[in-house]
N, C-alpha and C. Protein backbone atom coordinates (compact mmCIF):
# COMPACT_ATOMS: atom_id res chain seq x y z
N MET A 1 94.24 113.54 123.57
CA MET A 1 95.22 113.67 122.50
C MET A 1 95.57 112.28 121.97
N SER A 2 95.56 112.14 120.65
CA SER A 2 95.84 110.84 120.07
C SER A 2 97.34 110.58 120.00
N LYS A 3 97.69 109.31 120.06
CA LYS A 3 99.09 108.92 119.98
C LYS A 3 99.57 109.05 118.54
N LYS A 4 100.88 109.24 118.41
CA LYS A 4 101.47 109.41 117.09
C LYS A 4 102.66 108.47 116.92
N PHE A 5 102.91 108.10 115.68
CA PHE A 5 104.12 107.37 115.32
C PHE A 5 104.84 108.22 114.28
N SER A 6 106.15 108.32 114.41
CA SER A 6 106.90 109.09 113.42
C SER A 6 108.11 108.31 112.94
N THR A 7 108.51 108.60 111.71
CA THR A 7 109.66 107.97 111.09
C THR A 7 110.30 108.92 110.10
N PHE A 8 111.59 108.75 109.88
CA PHE A 8 112.29 109.48 108.84
C PHE A 8 112.40 108.63 107.56
N ASP A 9 112.00 107.37 107.62
CA ASP A 9 112.18 106.42 106.52
C ASP A 9 111.08 106.60 105.46
N LEU A 10 111.48 107.00 104.27
CA LEU A 10 110.53 107.24 103.18
C LEU A 10 109.82 105.96 102.76
N GLY A 11 110.53 104.84 102.72
CA GLY A 11 109.91 103.58 102.33
C GLY A 11 108.84 103.14 103.31
N LEU A 12 109.14 103.25 104.59
CA LEU A 12 108.16 102.89 105.62
C LEU A 12 106.96 103.82 105.55
N ALA A 13 107.22 105.12 105.41
CA ALA A 13 106.13 106.09 105.34
C ALA A 13 105.24 105.80 104.13
N THR A 14 105.85 105.48 103.00
CA THR A 14 105.07 105.17 101.80
C THR A 14 104.23 103.91 102.00
N THR A 15 104.81 102.91 102.65
CA THR A 15 104.08 101.68 102.92
C THR A 15 102.89 101.94 103.84
N LEU A 16 103.12 102.70 104.91
CA LEU A 16 102.02 103.00 105.83
C LEU A 16 100.91 103.78 105.13
N LEU A 17 101.28 104.73 104.29
CA LEU A 17 100.28 105.49 103.54
C LEU A 17 99.52 104.57 102.59
N THR A 18 100.22 103.66 101.95
CA THR A 18 99.59 102.71 101.03
C THR A 18 98.62 101.80 101.77
N LEU A 19 98.91 101.50 103.03
CA LEU A 19 98.03 100.65 103.84
C LEU A 19 96.97 101.45 104.58
N ASN A 20 96.80 102.70 104.18
CA ASN A 20 95.73 103.58 104.67
C ASN A 20 95.90 104.06 106.11
N TYR A 21 97.13 104.13 106.59
CA TYR A 21 97.36 104.79 107.87
C TYR A 21 97.33 106.29 107.64
N GLU A 22 96.82 107.02 108.60
CA GLU A 22 96.60 108.45 108.44
C GLU A 22 97.89 109.24 108.68
N LEU A 23 98.35 109.91 107.64
CA LEU A 23 99.51 110.80 107.75
C LEU A 23 99.02 112.13 108.30
N ILE A 24 99.54 112.51 109.47
CA ILE A 24 99.10 113.73 110.13
C ILE A 24 99.88 114.94 109.63
N GLU A 25 101.20 114.80 109.56
CA GLU A 25 102.00 115.93 109.13
C GLU A 25 103.40 115.50 108.72
N LEU A 26 104.09 116.42 108.06
CA LEU A 26 105.50 116.28 107.75
C LEU A 26 106.22 117.35 108.55
N GLU A 27 107.14 116.92 109.40
CA GLU A 27 107.92 117.87 110.21
C GLU A 27 109.25 118.11 109.53
N LYS A 28 109.45 119.32 109.06
CA LYS A 28 110.69 119.67 108.37
C LYS A 28 111.55 120.52 109.30
N THR A 29 112.12 119.87 110.31
CA THR A 29 112.95 120.60 111.27
C THR A 29 114.38 120.74 110.80
N ASN A 30 114.76 119.94 109.83
CA ASN A 30 116.11 119.95 109.28
C ASN A 30 115.96 120.00 107.76
N PRO A 31 116.71 120.87 107.08
CA PRO A 31 116.56 120.97 105.62
C PRO A 31 116.85 119.66 104.88
N LYS A 32 117.58 118.75 105.52
CA LYS A 32 117.95 117.50 104.86
C LYS A 32 117.14 116.30 105.32
N LYS A 33 116.29 116.49 106.33
CA LYS A 33 115.49 115.38 106.85
C LYS A 33 114.06 115.85 107.10
N THR A 34 113.15 114.94 106.86
CA THR A 34 111.74 115.20 107.18
C THR A 34 111.21 114.03 107.98
N ARG A 35 110.48 114.35 109.03
CA ARG A 35 109.85 113.31 109.86
C ARG A 35 108.40 113.17 109.39
N PHE A 36 108.01 111.93 109.08
CA PHE A 36 106.64 111.62 108.69
C PHE A 36 105.89 111.22 109.96
N VAL A 37 104.81 111.91 110.27
CA VAL A 37 104.07 111.67 111.50
C VAL A 37 102.70 111.08 111.15
N PHE A 38 102.44 109.89 111.70
CA PHE A 38 101.19 109.18 111.46
C PHE A 38 100.38 109.09 112.75
N LYS A 39 99.07 109.02 112.60
CA LYS A 39 98.21 108.72 113.73
C LYS A 39 98.43 107.26 114.09
N GLU A 40 98.70 107.00 115.35
CA GLU A 40 98.96 105.64 115.79
C GLU A 40 97.64 104.90 115.98
N SER A 41 97.47 103.83 115.24
CA SER A 41 96.28 103.00 115.41
C SER A 41 96.69 101.70 116.07
N GLY A 42 95.72 100.88 116.40
CA GLY A 42 95.96 99.69 117.19
C GLY A 42 97.01 98.73 116.65
N ASP A 43 97.11 98.59 115.34
CA ASP A 43 98.01 97.58 114.80
C ASP A 43 99.21 98.16 114.06
N ILE A 44 99.48 99.44 114.19
CA ILE A 44 100.58 100.07 113.43
C ILE A 44 101.94 99.46 113.80
N ASN A 45 102.15 99.14 115.07
CA ASN A 45 103.44 98.55 115.46
C ASN A 45 103.65 97.18 114.83
N GLN A 46 102.59 96.40 114.73
CA GLN A 46 102.68 95.09 114.07
C GLN A 46 103.00 95.28 112.58
N THR A 47 102.36 96.26 111.96
CA THR A 47 102.61 96.54 110.55
C THR A 47 104.06 96.97 110.34
N ILE A 48 104.58 97.79 111.24
CA ILE A 48 105.97 98.24 111.15
C ILE A 48 106.92 97.05 111.27
N ASN A 49 106.66 96.15 112.20
CA ASN A 49 107.48 94.95 112.34
C ASN A 49 107.44 94.10 111.08
N HIS A 50 106.25 93.96 110.49
CA HIS A 50 106.12 93.20 109.24
C HIS A 50 106.91 93.88 108.12
N TYR A 51 106.90 95.21 108.11
CA TYR A 51 107.67 95.95 107.10
C TYR A 51 109.16 95.62 107.21
N TRP A 52 109.70 95.75 108.42
CA TRP A 52 111.14 95.52 108.61
C TRP A 52 111.52 94.06 108.41
N ASN A 53 110.57 93.15 108.57
CA ASN A 53 110.84 91.72 108.34
C ASN A 53 110.50 91.29 106.91
N ASN A 54 110.20 92.27 106.06
CA ASN A 54 109.88 92.01 104.65
C ASN A 54 108.71 91.05 104.50
N GLU A 55 107.66 91.28 105.29
CA GLU A 55 106.49 90.41 105.30
C GLU A 55 105.23 91.12 104.83
N ILE A 56 105.38 92.21 104.08
CA ILE A 56 104.22 92.98 103.62
C ILE A 56 104.17 92.95 102.10
N THR A 57 102.98 92.77 101.58
CA THR A 57 102.75 92.85 100.15
C THR A 57 101.74 93.96 99.91
N VAL A 58 102.11 94.88 99.03
CA VAL A 58 101.19 95.97 98.67
C VAL A 58 101.14 96.07 97.14
N SER A 59 100.13 96.75 96.67
CA SER A 59 100.02 97.01 95.24
C SER A 59 101.17 97.91 94.79
N ALA A 60 101.89 97.47 93.77
CA ALA A 60 103.02 98.26 93.27
C ALA A 60 102.56 99.62 92.76
N LEU A 61 101.44 99.66 92.06
CA LEU A 61 100.95 100.93 91.53
C LEU A 61 100.55 101.89 92.64
N SER A 62 99.87 101.38 93.66
CA SER A 62 99.49 102.22 94.80
C SER A 62 100.72 102.72 95.55
N PHE A 63 101.70 101.85 95.74
CA PHE A 63 102.93 102.25 96.41
C PHE A 63 103.62 103.37 95.64
N PHE A 64 103.76 103.19 94.33
CA PHE A 64 104.42 104.19 93.51
C PHE A 64 103.67 105.52 93.53
N ASN A 65 102.35 105.47 93.43
CA ASN A 65 101.55 106.71 93.47
C ASN A 65 101.70 107.42 94.81
N ASN A 66 101.72 106.65 95.90
CA ASN A 66 101.90 107.25 97.22
C ASN A 66 103.32 107.80 97.40
N LEU A 67 104.30 107.14 96.81
CA LEU A 67 105.67 107.65 96.85
C LEU A 67 105.75 109.00 96.13
N LYS A 68 105.12 109.10 94.97
CA LYS A 68 105.09 110.37 94.25
C LYS A 68 104.38 111.45 95.07
N THR A 69 103.30 111.09 95.72
CA THR A 69 102.57 112.04 96.55
C THR A 69 103.44 112.56 97.69
N LEU A 70 104.12 111.65 98.38
CA LEU A 70 104.99 112.07 99.48
C LEU A 70 106.14 112.94 98.98
N LYS A 71 106.74 112.57 97.87
CA LYS A 71 107.83 113.39 97.33
C LYS A 71 107.34 114.77 96.93
N ASN A 72 106.15 114.85 96.35
CA ASN A 72 105.57 116.15 96.01
C ASN A 72 105.40 117.00 97.27
N ARG A 73 104.92 116.39 98.33
CA ARG A 73 104.76 117.12 99.59
C ARG A 73 106.11 117.50 100.18
N LEU A 74 107.09 116.64 100.07
CA LEU A 74 108.43 116.94 100.59
C LEU A 74 109.03 118.18 99.93
N TYR A 75 108.84 118.27 98.62
CA TYR A 75 109.50 119.33 97.87
C TYR A 75 108.63 120.57 97.66
N SER A 76 107.40 120.53 98.18
CA SER A 76 106.56 121.73 98.08
C SER A 76 106.93 122.68 99.23
N ASP A 77 106.59 123.92 99.08
CA ASP A 77 106.94 124.93 100.07
C ASP A 77 106.22 124.75 101.40
N ASN A 78 104.98 124.29 101.35
CA ASN A 78 104.19 124.21 102.58
C ASN A 78 104.06 122.83 103.17
N GLY A 79 104.63 121.79 102.54
CA GLY A 79 104.63 120.44 103.09
C GLY A 79 103.28 119.95 103.39
């Protein structure tokens, strides 16, 4: 079984998706919160630390497109 990383933070989830980390699922256990679950790869923790330290640069267009994709999945019936 592969390891997983999860977060409720939409910005972090969008950044990870933009950096090509694999989004496994969206867990909608609470109507007001969704957990984004990613496959944990070797350097995901380092990437997360860089995110929180504001040390990541991504394409603005890719980030925005991935944000729209995640929001579409959030608000769709089947996630």
